[in-house]
PDB file of N, CA and C in Angstrom:
ATOM      1  N   MET A   1       0.932  -1.182   0.100  1.00  0.00           N
ATOM      2  CA  MET A   1      -0.026   0.010  -0.070  1.00  0.00           C
ATOM      3  C   MET A   1       0.919   1.310   0.027  1.00  0.00           C
ATOM      4  N   SER A   2       0.441   2.290  -0.646  1.00  0.00           N
ATOM      5  CA  SER A   2       1.238   3.426  -0.799  1.00  0.00           C
ATOM      6  C   SER A   2       1.313   4.241   0.464  1.00  0.00           C
ATOM      7  N   ASP A   3       2.273   5.114   0.490  1.00  0.00           N
ATOM      8  CA  ASP A   3       2.281   5.974   1.839  1.00  0.00           C
ATOM      9  C   ASP A   3       1.044   6.981   2.078  1.00  0.00           C
ATOM     10  N   PRO A   4       0.548   7.454   1.011  1.00  0.00           N
ATOM     11  CA  PRO A   4      -0.727   8.303   1.219  1.00  0.00           C
ATOM     12  C   PRO A   4      -1.928   7.348   1.611  1.00  0.00           C
ATOM     13  N   ASP A   5      -2.050   6.240   1.243  1.00  0.00           N
ATOM     14  CA  ASP A   5      -3.019   5.312   1.733  1.00  0.00           C
ATOM     15  C   ASP A   5      -2.733   5.002   3.275  1.00  0.00           C
ATOM     16  N   GLU A   6      -1.444   4.657   3.576  1.00  0.00           N
ATOM     17  CA  GLU A   6      -1.234   4.405   4.931  1.00  0.00           C
ATOM     18  C   GLU A   6      -1.607   5.604   5.812  1.00  0.00           C
ATOM     19  N   LYS A   7      -1.146   6.899   5.437  1.00  0.00           N
ATOM     20  CA  LYS A   7      -1.484   8.049   6.164  1.00  0.00           C
ATOM     21  C   LYS A   7      -3.074   8.222   6.321  1.00  0.00           C
ATOM     22  N   LEU A   8      -3.867   7.986   5.213  1.00  0.00           N
ATOM     23  CA  LEU A   8      -5.299   8.045   5.299  1.00  0.00           C
ATOM     24  C   LEU A   8      -5.816   7.084   6.386  1.00  0.00           C
ATOM     25  N   PHE A   9      -5.361   5.795   6.468  1.00  0.00           N
ATOM     26  CA  PHE A   9      -5.894   4.805   7.400  1.00  0.00           C
ATOM     27  C   PHE A   9      -5.429   5.095   8.777  1.00  0.00           C
ATOM     28  N   ARG A  10      -4.255   5.772   9.033  1.00  0.00           N
ATOM     29  CA  ARG A  10      -3.679   6.117  10.261  1.00  0.00           C
ATOM     30  C   ARG A  10      -4.451   7.182  10.707  1.00  0.00           C
ATOM     31  N   ALA A  11      -4.931   8.246   9.841  1.00  0.00           N
ATOM     32  CA  ALA A  11      -5.861   9.308  10.306  1.00  0.00           C
ATOM     33  C   ALA A  11      -7.307   8.774  10.811  1.00  0.00           C
ATOM     34  N   VAL A  12      -7.674   7.637  10.316  1.00  0.00           N
ATOM     35  CA  VAL A  12      -8.944   7.003  10.533  1.00  0.00           C
ATOM     36  C   VAL A  12      -8.811   6.504  12.106  1.00  0.00           C
ATOM     37  N   ILE A  13      -7.640   5.786  12.315  1.00  0.00           N
ATOM     38  CA  ILE A  13      -7.393   5.225  13.623  1.00  0.00           C
ATOM     39  C   ILE A  13      -7.210   6.355  14.559  1.00  0.00           C
ATOM     40  N   LEU A  14      -6.480   7.372  14.270  1.00  0.00           N
ATOM     41  CA  LEU A  14      -6.366   8.586  15.245  1.00  0.00           C
ATOM     42  C   LEU A  14      -7.584   9.116  15.580  1.00  0.00           C
ATOM     43  N   ARG A  15      -8.476   9.389  14.603  1.00  0.00           N
ATOM     44  CA  ARG A  15      -9.782  10.123  14.708  1.00  0.00           C
ATOM     45  C   ARG A  15     -10.602   9.249  15.730  1.00  0.00           C
ATOM     46  N   ALA A  16     -10.480   7.922  15.539  1.00  0.00           N
ATOM     47  CA  ALA A  16     -11.187   6.976  16.389  1.00  0.00           C
ATOM     48  C   ALA A  16     -10.825   6.890  17.855  1.00  0.00           C
ATOM     49  N   ILE A  17      -9.418   7.113  17.899  1.00  0.00           N
ATOM     50  CA  ILE A  17      -8.818   7.166  19.337  1.00  0.00           C
ATOM     51  C   ILE A  17      -9.456   8.514  19.948  1.00  0.00           C
ATOM     52  N   CYS A  18      -9.365   9.480  19.407  1.00  0.00           N
ATOM     53  CA  CYS A  18      -9.799  10.770  19.844  1.00  0.00           C
ATOM     54  C   CYS A  18     -11.235  10.664  20.180  1.00  0.00           C
ATOM     55  N   ASP A  19     -12.073  10.102  19.281  1.00  0.00           N
ATOM     56  CA  ASP A  19     -13.479   9.987  19.611  1.00  0.00           C
ATOM     57  C   ASP A  19     -13.624   9.178  20.859  1.00  0.00           C
ATOM     58  N   ALA A  20     -12.879   8.021  21.032  1.00  0.00           N
ATOM     59  CA  ALA A  20     -13.066   7.123  22.000  1.00  0.00           C
ATOM     60  C   ALA A  20     -12.704   7.793  23.525  1.00  0.00           C
ATOM     61  N   LEU A  21     -11.906   8.947  23.344  1.00  0.00           N
ATOM     62  CA  LEU A  21     -11.456   9.551  24.591  1.00  0.00           C
ATOM     63  C   LEU A  21     -12.343  10.727  24.830  1.00  0.00           C
ATOM     64  N   GLY A  22     -13.318  10.803  23.919  1.00  0.00           N
ATOM     65  CA  GLY A  22     -14.288  11.968  24.240  1.00  0.00           C
ATOM     66  C   GLY A  22     -13.863  13.265  23.519  1.00  0.00           C
ATOM     67  N   PHE A  23     -12.944  13.305  22.714  1.00  0.00           N
ATOM     68  CA  PHE A  23     -12.395  14.402  21.987  1.00  0.00           C
ATOM     69  C   PHE A  23     -13.055  14.373  20.653  1.00  0.00           C
ATOM     70  N   THR A  24     -14.289  14.412  20.470  1.00  0.00           N
ATOM     71  CA  THR A  24     -14.876  14.262  19.285  1.00  0.00           C
ATOM     72  C   THR A  24     -15.096  15.573  18.447  1.00  0.00           C
ATOM     73  N   ASN A  25     -15.171  15.415  17.240  1.00  0.00           N
ATOM     74  CA  ASN A  25     -15.462  16.496  16.364  1.00  0.00           C
ATOM     75  C   ASN A  25     -16.984  16.713  15.875  1.00  0.00           C
ATOM     76  N   VAL A  26     -17.782  16.092  16.681  1.00  0.00           N
ATOM     77  CA  VAL A  26     -19.367  16.149  16.336  1.00  0.00           C
ATOM     78  C   VAL A  26     -19.887  17.167  17.207  1.00  0.00           C
ATOM     79  N   SER A  27     -21.175  17.420  17.055  1.00  0.00           N
ATOM     80  CA  SER A  27     -21.919  18.397  17.768  1.00  0.00           C
ATOM     81  C   SER A  27     -21.688  18.100  19.143  1.00  0.00           C
ATOM     82  N   LYS A  28     -21.693  19.188  19.982  1.00  0.00           N
ATOM     83  CA  LYS A  28     -21.536  19.189  21.413  1.00  0.00           C
ATOM     84  C   LYS A  28     -22.883  18.667  22.087  1.00  0.00           C
ATOM     85  N   LYS A  29     -23.956  18.451  21.359  1.00  0.00           N
ATOM     86  CA  LYS A  29     -25.095  17.968  21.807  1.00  0.00           C
ATOM     87  C   LYS A  29     -24.814  16.575  22.595  1.00  0.00           C
ATOM     88  N   LYS A  30     -25.261  16.565  23.801  1.00  0.00           N
ATOM     89  CA  LYS A  30     -24.917  15.324  24.724  1.00  0.00           C
ATOM     90  C   LYS A  30     -25.225  14.026  24.011  1.00  0.00           C
ATOM     91  N   GLU A  31     -26.326  13.981  23.282  1.00  0.00           N
ATOM     92  CA  GLU A  31     -26.716  12.702  22.814  1.00  0.00           C
ATOM     93  C   GLU A  31     -25.735  12.266  21.690  1.00  0.00           C
ATOM     94  N   GLU A  32     -25.532  13.227  20.686  1.00  0.00           N
ATOM     95  CA  GLU A  32     -24.523  12.844  19.579  1.00  0.00           C
ATOM     96  C   GLU A  32     -23.114  12.728  19.923  1.00  0.00           C
ATOM     97  N   HIS A  33     -22.714  13.594  21.081  1.00  0.00           N
ATOM     98  CA  HIS A  33     -21.274  13.298  21.565  1.00  0.00           C
ATOM     99  C   HIS A  33     -21.255  11.884  22.282  1.00  0.00           C
ATOM    100  N   SER A  34     -22.040  11.532  23.035  1.00  0.00           N
ATOM    101  CA  SER A  34     -22.162  10.276  23.679  1.00  0.00           C
ATOM    102  C   SER A  34     -22.064   9.053  22.777  1.00  0.00           C
ATOM    103  N   ARG A  35     -23.008   9.352  21.687  1.00  0.00           N
ATOM    104  CA  ARG A  35     -22.995   8.188  20.646  1.00  0.00           C
ATOM    105  C   ARG A  35     -21.683   8.089  19.854  1.00  0.00           C
ATOM    106  N   ALA A  36     -21.050   9.198  19.542  1.00  0.00           N
ATOM    107  CA  ALA A  36     -19.771   9.174  18.912  1.00  0.00           C
ATOM    108  C   ALA A  36     -18.756   8.473  19.814  1.00  0.00           C
ATOM    109  N   VAL A  37     -18.774   8.718  21.122  1.00  0.00           N
ATOM    110  CA  VAL A  37     -17.700   8.148  22.015  1.00  0.00           C
ATOM    111  C   VAL A  37     -17.981   6.682  22.105  1.00  0.00           C
ATOM    112  N   ARG A  38     -19.244   6.183  22.259  1.00  0.00           N
ATOM    113  CA  ARG A  38     -19.596   4.873  22.487  1.00  0.00           C
ATOM    114  C   ARG A  38     -19.287   4.023  21.279  1.00  0.00           C
ATOM    115  N   GLU A  39     -19.543   4.570  20.141  1.00  0.00           N
ATOM    116  CA  GLU A  39     -19.182   3.643  18.830  1.00  0.00           C
ATOM    117  C   GLU A  39     -17.713   3.589  18.590  1.00  0.00           C
ATOM    118  N   ALA A  40     -17.041   4.615  18.861  1.00  0.00           N
ATOM    119  CA  ALA A  40     -15.520   4.440  18.761  1.00  0.00           C
ATOM    120  C   ALA A  40     -14.952   3.505  19.868  1.00  0.00           C
ATOM    121  N   ARG A  41     -15.501   3.535  20.989  1.00  0.00           N
ATOM    122  CA  ARG A  41     -14.929   2.655  22.066  1.00  0.00           C
ATOM    123  C   ARG A  41     -15.335   1.103  21.579  1.00  0.00           C
ATOM    124  N   GLU A  42     -16.577   0.970  21.166  1.00  0.00           N
ATOM    125  CA  GLU A  42     -17.038  -0.332  20.770  1.00  0.00           C
ATOM    126  C   GLU A  42     -16.095  -0.830  19.673  1.00  0.00           C
ATOM    127  N   TRP A  43     -15.743  -0.015  18.804  1.00  0.00           N
ATOM    128  CA  TRP A  43     -14.800  -0.370  17.643  1.00  0.00           C
ATOM    129  C   TRP A  43     -13.381  -1.035  18.116  1.00  0.00           C
ATOM    130  N   PHE A  44     -13.040  -0.415  19.221  1.00  0.00           N
ATOM    131  CA  PHE A  44     -11.726  -0.855  19.913  1.00  0.00           C
ATOM    132  C   PHE A  44     -11.961  -2.168  20.640  1.00  0.00           C
ATOM    133  N   TYR A  45     -13.016  -2.049  21.492  1.00  0.00           N
ATOM    134  CA  TYR A  45     -13.391  -3.220  22.314  1.00  0.00           C
ATOM    135  C   TYR A  45     -13.750  -4.368  21.603  1.00  0.00           C
ATOM    136  N   GLU A  46     -14.459  -4.323  20.339  1.00  0.00           N
ATOM    137  CA  GLU A  46     -14.981  -5.503  19.712  1.00  0.00           C
ATOM    138  C   GLU A  46     -13.699  -6.231  18.980  1.00  0.00           C
ATOM    139  N   ASN A  47     -12.644  -5.357  18.593  1.00  0.00           N
ATOM    140  CA  ASN A  47     -11.488  -5.966  17.879  1.00  0.00           C
ATOM    141  C   ASN A  47     -11.964  -6.859  16.650  1.00  0.00           C
ATOM    142  N   GLY A  48     -12.839  -6.201  15.841  1.00  0.00           N
ATOM    143  CA  GLY A  48     -13.372  -7.031  14.757  1.00  0.00           C
ATOM    144  C   GLY A  48     -12.522  -6.903  13.609  1.00  0.00           C
ATOM    145  N   PRO A  49     -13.033  -7.601  12.536  1.00  0.00           N
ATOM    146  CA  PRO A  49     -12.123  -7.752  11.335  1.00  0.00           C
ATOM    147  C   PRO A  49     -11.938  -6.264  10.626  1.00  0.00           C
ATOM    148  N   ASP A  50     -12.917  -5.350  10.737  1.00  0.00           N
ATOM    149  CA  ASP A  50     -12.726  -4.007  10.135  1.00  0.00           C
ATOM    150  C   ASP A  50     -11.752  -3.337  10.837  1.00  0.00           C
ATOM    151  N   PHE A  51     -11.677  -3.370  12.169  1.00  0.00           N
ATOM    152  CA  PHE A  51     -10.680  -2.735  12.937  1.00  0.00           C
ATOM    153  C   PHE A  51      -9.270  -3.274  12.579  1.00  0.00           C
ATOM    154  N   ARG A  52      -9.141  -4.628  12.543  1.00  0.00           N
ATOM    155  CA  ARG A  52      -7.847  -5.290  12.065  1.00  0.00           C
ATOM    156  C   ARG A  52      -7.408  -4.894  10.829  1.00  0.00           C
ATOM    157  N   LYS A  53      -8.333  -4.861   9.757  1.00  0.00           N
ATOM    158  CA  LYS A  53      -7.820  -4.533   8.484  1.00  0.00           C
ATOM    159  C   LYS A  53      -7.448  -3.105   8.417  1.00  0.00           C
ATOM    160  N   ILE A  54      -8.134  -2.222   8.947  1.00  0.00           N
ATOM    161  CA  ILE A  54      -7.858  -0.733   8.899  1.00  0.00           C
ATOM    162  C   ILE A  54      -6.284  -0.613   9.473  1.00  0.00           C
ATOM    163  N   CYS A  55      -6.051  -1.390  10.653  1.00  0.00           N
ATOM    164  CA  CYS A  55      -4.818  -1.357  11.293  1.00  0.00           C
ATOM    165  C   CYS A  55      -3.619  -1.847  10.250  1.00  0.00           C
ATOM    166  N   GLU A  56      -3.946  -2.856   9.674  1.00  0.00           N
ATOM    167  CA  GLU A  56      -3.032  -3.599   8.623  1.00  0.00           C
ATOM    168  C   GLU A  56      -2.752  -2.544   7.498  1.00  0.00           C
ATOM    169  N   TRP A  57      -3.814  -1.862   7.097  1.00  0.00           N
ATOM    170  CA  TRP A  57      -3.658  -0.795   5.953  1.00  0.00           C
ATOM    171  C   TRP A  57      -2.883   0.261   6.414  1.00  0.00           C
ATOM    172  N   ALA A  58      -3.022   0.577   7.727  1.00  0.00           N
ATOM    173  CA  ALA A  58      -2.122   1.804   8.329  1.00  0.00           C
ATOM    174  C   ALA A  58      -0.692   1.409   8.685  1.00  0.00           C
ATOM    175  N   ASP A  59      -0.399   0.117   8.449  1.00  0.00           N
ATOM    176  CA  ASP A  59       0.828  -0.462   8.776  1.00  0.00           C
ATOM    177  C   ASP A  59       1.049  -0.502  10.435  1.00  0.00           C
ATOM    178  N   PHE A  60      -0.115  -0.536  11.167  1.00  0.00           N
ATOM    179  CA  PHE A  60      -0.053  -0.453  12.627  1.00  0.00           C
ATOM    180  C   PHE A  60      -0.186  -1.788  13.147  1.00  0.00           C
ATOM    181  N   ASP A  61       0.345  -2.248  14.234  1.00  0.00           N
ATOM    182  CA  ASP A  61       0.090  -3.499  15.016  1.00  0.00           C
ATOM    183  C   ASP A  61      -1.137  -3.336  15.629  1.00  0.00           C
ATOM    184  N   ASP A  62      -2.198  -4.119  15.259  1.00  0.00           N
ATOM    185  CA  ASP A  62      -3.529  -4.064  15.809  1.00  0.00           C
ATOM    186  C   ASP A  62      -3.637  -4.289  17.304  1.00  0.00           C
ATOM    187  N   ALA A  63      -2.855  -5.341  17.618  1.00  0.00           N
ATOM    188  CA  ALA A  63      -2.772  -5.589  19.239  1.00  0.00           C
ATOM    189  C   ALA A  63      -2.257  -4.371  20.024  1.00  0.00           C
ATOM    190  N   LYS A  64      -1.235  -3.727  19.465  1.00  0.00           N
ATOM    191  CA  LYS A  64      -0.481  -2.635  20.094  1.00  0.00           C
ATOM    192  C   LYS A  64      -1.596  -1.453  20.253  1.00  0.00           C
ATOM    193  N   VAL A  65      -2.386  -1.203  19.135  1.00  0.00           N
ATOM    194  CA  VAL A  65      -3.228  -0.144  18.947  1.00  0.00           C
ATOM    195  C   VAL A  65      -4.374  -0.426  20.110  1.00  0.00           C
ATOM    196  N   ARG A  66      -4.952  -1.556  20.072  1.00  0.00           N
ATOM    197  CA  ARG A  66      -5.948  -1.998  20.933  1.00  0.00           C
ATOM    198  C   ARG A  66      -5.478  -1.886  22.364  1.00  0.00           C
ATOM    199  N   ALA A  67      -4.462  -2.536  22.572  1.00  0.00           N
ATOM    200  CA  ALA A  67      -3.962  -2.424  24.125  1.00  0.00           C
ATOM    201  C   ALA A  67      -3.685  -0.948  24.527  1.00  0.00           C
ATOM    202  N   GLY A  68      -3.106  -0.129  23.665  1.00  0.00           N
ATOM    203  CA  GLY A  68      -2.826   1.116  24.021  1.00  0.00           C
ATOM    204  C   GLY A  68      -4.140   2.040  24.288  1.00  0.00           C
ATOM    205  N   VAL A  69      -5.116   1.838  23.390  1.00  0.00           N
ATOM    206  CA  VAL A  69      -6.432   2.617  23.420  1.00  0.00           C
ATOM    207  C   VAL A  69      -7.066   2.257  24.634  1.00  0.00           C
ATOM    208  N   LEU A  70      -7.237   0.973  24.812  1.00  0.00           N
ATOM    209  CA  LEU A  70      -7.906   0.454  26.021  1.00  0.00           C
ATOM    210  C   LEU A  70      -7.351   0.999  27.526  1.00  0.00           C
ATOM    211  N   LYS A  71      -6.039   1.071  27.533  1.00  0.00           N
ATOM    212  CA  LYS A  71      -5.293   1.685  28.495  1.00  0.00           C
ATOM    213  C   LYS A  71      -5.709   3.106  28.744  1.00  0.00           C
ATOM    214  N   LEU A  72      -5.878   3.875  27.664  1.00  0.00           N
ATOM    215  CA  LEU A  72      -6.278   5.312  27.644  1.00  0.00           C
ATOM    216  C   LEU A  72      -7.657   5.473  28.013  1.00  0.00           C
ATOM    217  N   ILE A  73      -8.599   4.639  27.539  1.00  0.00           N
ATOM    218  CA  ILE A  73      -9.925   4.641  28.117  1.00  0.00           C
ATOM    219  C   ILE A  73     -10.007   4.390  29.465  1.00  0.00           C
ATOM    220  N   GLU A  74      -9.289   3.467  30.000  1.00  0.00           N
ATOM    221  CA  GLU A  74      -9.392   3.125  31.416  1.00  0.00           C
ATOM    222  C   GLU A  74      -8.856   4.268  32.166  1.00  0.00           C
ATOM    223  N   ALA A  75      -7.758   5.032  31.838  1.00  0.00           N
ATOM    224  CA  ALA A  75      -7.170   6.021  32.462  1.00  0.00           C
ATOM    225  C   ALA A  75      -8.122   7.291  32.406  1.00  0.00           C
ATOM    226  N   ARG A  76      -8.879   7.483  31.364  1.00  0.00           N
ATOM    227  CA  ARG A  76      -9.751   8.468  31.356  1.00  0.00           C
ATOM    228  C   ARG A  76     -11.024   8.383  32.264  1.00  0.00           C
ATOM    229  N   GLN A  77     -11.516   7.088  32.177  1.00  0.00           N
ATOM    230  CA  GLN A  77     -12.589   6.886  33.101  1.00  0.00           C
ATOM    231  C   GLN A  77     -12.264   6.749  34.641  1.00  0.00           C
ATOM    232  N   SER A  78     -11.051   6.337  34.947  1.00  0.00           N
ATOM    233  CA  SER A  78     -10.591   6.001  36.454  1.00  0.00           C
ATOM    234  C   SER A  78     -10.088   7.344  36.974  1.00  0.00           C
ATOM    235  N   GLY A  79      -9.442   8.272  36.102  1.00  0.00           N
ATOM    236  CA  GLY A  79      -8.804   9.277  36.647  1.00  0.00           C
ATOM    237  C   GLY A  79      -7.318   9.020  36.926  1.00  0.00           C
ATOM    238  N   ASP A  80      -6.899   7.827  36.868  1.00  0.00           N
ATOM    239  CA  ASP A  80      -5.541   7.380  37.173  1.00  0.00           C
ATOM    240  C   ASP A  80      -4.661   7.589  35.899  1.00  0.00           C
ATOM    241  N   HIS A  81      -3.916   8.595  35.811  1.00  0.00           N
ATOM    242  CA  HIS A  81      -3.239   8.920  34.581  1.00  0.00           C
ATOM    243  C   HIS A  81      -1.691   8.725  34.750  1.00  0.00           C
ATOM    244  N   SER A  82      -1.435   7.998  35.758  1.00  0.00           N
ATOM    245  CA  SER A  82       0.175   7.726  35.891  1.00  0.00           C
ATOM    246  C   SER A  82       0.808   6.890  34.957  1.00  0.00           C
ATOM    247  N   GLU A  83       0.091   5.968  34.122  1.00  0.00           N
ATOM    248  CA  GLU A  83       0.763   5.233  33.224  1.00  0.00           C
ATOM    249  C   GLU A  83       0.484   5.548  31.805  1.00  0.00           C
ATOM    250  N   ILE A  84       0.190   6.696  31.517  1.00  0.00           N
ATOM    251  CA  ILE A  84      -0.153   7.200  30.169  1.00  0.00           C
ATOM    252  C   ILE A  84       0.856   8.309  29.615  1.00  0.00           C
ATOM    253  N   PRO A  85       1.113   8.463  28.379  1.00  0.00           N
ATOM    254  CA  PRO A  85       1.981   9.661  27.872  1.00  0.00           C
ATOM    255  C   PRO A  85       1.626  10.946  28.420  1.00  0.00           C
ATOM    256  N   ASP A  86       2.476  11.855  28.573  1.00  0.00           N
ATOM    257  CA  ASP A  86       2.327  13.230  29.056  1.00  0.00           C
ATOM    258  C   ASP A  86       1.422  14.058  28.384  1.00  0.00           C
ATOM    259  N   TYR A  87       1.333  13.820  27.027  1.00  0.00           N
ATOM    260  CA  TYR A  87       0.459  14.580  26.275  1.00  0.00           C
ATOM    261  C   TYR A  87      -1.161  14.233  26.613  1.00  0.00           C
ATOM    262  N   TRP A  88      -1.239  12.974  26.918  1.00  0.00           N
ATOM    263  CA  TRP A  88      -2.548  12.668  27.248  1.00  0.00           C
ATOM    264  C   TRP A  88      -2.994  13.094  28.701  1.00  0.00           C
ATOM    265  N   ARG A  89      -1.921  12.981  29.537  1.00  0.00           N
ATOM    266  CA  ARG A  89      -2.310  13.575  30.834  1.00  0.00           C
ATOM    267  C   ARG A  89      -2.661  14.909  30.794  1.00  0.00           C
ATOM    268  N   GLU A  90      -1.961  15.763  29.985  1.00  0.00           N
ATOM    269  CA  GLU A  90      -2.412  17.242  29.884  1.00  0.00           C
ATOM    270  C   GLU A  90      -3.619  17.432  29.389  1.00  0.00           C
ATOM    271  N   ALA A  91      -4.116  16.651  28.358  1.00  0.00           N
ATOM    272  CA  ALA A  91      -5.324  16.661  27.602  1.00  0.00           C
ATOM    273  C   ALA A  91      -6.450  16.302  28.455  1.00  0.00           C
ATOM    274  N   PHE A  92      -6.295  15.105  29.450  1.00  0.00           N
ATOM    275  CA  PHE A  92      -7.298  14.817  30.322  1.00  0.00           C
ATOM    276  C   PHE A  92      -7.577  15.840  31.437  1.00  0.00           C
ATOM    277  N   ARG A  93      -6.249  16.448  31.879  1.00  0.00           N
ATOM    278  CA  ARG A  93      -6.428  17.545  32.961  1.00  0.00           C
ATOM    279  C   ARG A  93      -7.215  18.637  32.413  1.00  0.00           C
ATOM    280  N   THR A  94      -6.917  19.005  31.300  1.00  0.00           N
ATOM    281  CA  THR A  94      -7.478  20.332  30.681  1.00  0.00           C
ATOM    282  C   THR A  94      -8.809  20.091  29.965  1.00  0.00           C
ATOM    283  N   ASN A  95      -9.064  18.801  29.691  1.00  0.00           N
ATOM    284  CA  ASN A  95     -10.162  18.353  28.881  1.00  0.00           C
ATOM    285  C   ASN A  95     -10.040  18.923  27.527  1.00  0.00           C
ATOM    286  N   ARG A  96      -8.790  19.116  26.969  1.00  0.00           N
ATOM    287  CA  ARG A  96      -8.660  19.740  25.650  1.00  0.00           C
ATOM    288  C   ARG A  96      -7.801  18.647  24.868  1.00  0.00           C
ATOM    289  N   MET A  97      -8.135  18.415  23.646  1.00  0.00           N
ATOM    290  CA  MET A  97      -7.317  17.481  22.743  1.00  0.00           C
ATOM    291  C   MET A  97      -6.066  18.109  22.417  1.00  0.00           C
ATOM    292  N   PRO A  98      -5.093  17.175  22.567  1.00  0.00           N
ATOM    293  CA  PRO A  98      -3.720  17.699  22.213  1.00  0.00           C
ATOM    294  C   PRO A  98      -3.482  17.749  20.636  1.00  0.00           C
ATOM    295  N   SER A  99      -2.526  18.552  20.376  1.00  0.00           N
ATOM    296  CA  SER A  99      -2.215  18.784  18.963  1.00  0.00           C
ATOM    297  C   SER A  99      -2.362  17.358  18.320  1.00  0.00           C
ATOM    298  N   PHE A 100      -3.129  17.434  17.140  1.00  0.00           N
ATOM    299  CA  PHE A 100      -3.328  16.107  16.381  1.00  0.00           C
ATOM    300  C   PHE A 100      -2.191  15.769  15.607  1.00  0.00           C
ATOM    301  N   THR A 101      -1.454  16.684  15.218  1.00  0.00           N
ATOM    302  CA  THR A 101      -0.149  16.404  14.540  1.00  0.00           C
ATOM    303  C   THR A 101       0.787  15.916  15.392  1.00  0.00           C
ATOM    304  N   ALA A 102       1.072  16.378  16.551  1.00  0.00           N
ATOM    305  CA  ALA A 102       1.973  16.047  17.542  1.00  0.00           C
ATOM    306  C   ALA A 102       1.654  14.525  18.065  1.00  0.00           C
ATOM    307  N   PHE A 103       0.317  14.340  18.262  1.00  0.00           N
ATOM    308  CA  PHE A 103      -0.197  13.071  18.663  1.00  0.00           C
ATOM    309  C   PHE A 103       0.243  11.957  17.647  1.00  0.00           C
ATOM    310  N   ALA A 104      -0.132  12.331  16.319  1.00  0.00           N
ATOM    311  CA  ALA A 104       0.194  11.396  15.298  1.00  0.00           C
ATOM    312  C   ALA A 104       1.735  11.054  15.151  1.00  0.00           C
ATOM    313  N   GLU A 105       2.474  12.015  15.241  1.00  0.00           N
ATOM    314  CA  GLU A 105       3.810  11.834  15.219  1.00  0.00           C
ATOM    315  C   GLU A 105       4.497  10.861  16.344  1.00  0.00           C
ATOM    316  N   ALA A 106       3.912  11.220  17.569  1.00  0.00           N
ATOM    317  CA  ALA A 106       4.258  10.492  18.746  1.00  0.00           C
ATOM    318  C   ALA A 106       3.991   8.969  18.771  1.00  0.00           C
ATOM    319  N   ILE A 107       2.878   8.733  18.157  1.00  0.00           N
ATOM    320  CA  ILE A 107       2.464   7.340  18.197  1.00  0.00           C
ATOM    321  C   ILE A 107       2.772   6.597  16.889  1.00  0.00           C
ATOM    322  N   ASP A 108       3.174   7.192  15.946  1.00  0.00           N
ATOM    323  CA  ASP A 108       3.451   6.592  14.572  1.00  0.00           C
ATOM    324  C   ASP A 108       4.627   5.411  14.705  1.00  0.00           C
ATOM    325  N   ASN A 109       5.646   5.704  15.337  1.00  0.00           N
ATOM    326  CA  ASN A 109       6.729   4.471  15.497  1.00  0.00           C
ATOM    327  C   ASN A 109       6.265   3.565  16.554  1.00  0.00           C
ATOM    328  N   GLN A 110       5.437   3.868  17.556  1.00  0.00           N
ATOM    329  CA  GLN A 110       4.858   2.953  18.596  1.00  0.00           C
ATOM    330  C   GLN A 110       3.869   1.928  18.101  1.00  0.00           C
ATOM    331  N   LEU A 111       3.213   2.276  17.076  1.00  0.00           N
ATOM    332  CA  LEU A 111       2.260   1.385  16.617  1.00  0.00           C
ATOM    333  C   LEU A 111       2.564   0.591  15.184  1.00  0.00           C
ATOM    334  N   LYS A 112       3.560   0.918  14.787  1.00  0.00           N
ATOM    335  CA  LYS A 112       3.851   0.145  13.414  1.00  0.00           C
ATOM    336  C   LYS A 112       4.096  -1.350  13.707  1.00  0.00           C
ATOM    337  N   ARG A 113       3.745  -2.020  12.722  1.00  0.00           N
ATOM    338  CA  ARG A 113       3.705  -3.505  12.728  1.00  0.00           C
ATOM    339  C   ARG A 113       5.253  -3.842  12.547  1.00  0.00           C
ATOM    340  N   GLY A 114       5.463  -4.992  13.271  1.00  0.00           N
ATOM    341  CA  GLY A 114       6.910  -5.708  13.025  1.00  0.00           C
ATOM    342  C   GLY A 114       7.694  -5.356  14.336  1.00  0.00           C
TER     343      GLY A 114
END
């Protein structure tokens, strides 16, 4: 798969991570926001074939993606941020999404397959 395709599928995963953590780009209406968060979390929890295929196309290790995201979701829900990266600690503390570009660069090497 070409590099632009990988970037596209990586963006899909990054957007889903942000949504799962409550940093959605949907309406701030509670029902719509809650649905976006729930659906993104289900995508990671279910570990279905679509999730695994998107990870493959992004050249990401699906097990690493899933484990990392589940850890972030747990940290977000529990308030225990001691085991997560600093940029997420700050995002959770301020309830503001970290720089998408910085986030993408930071996880790119962590999630690659192989």
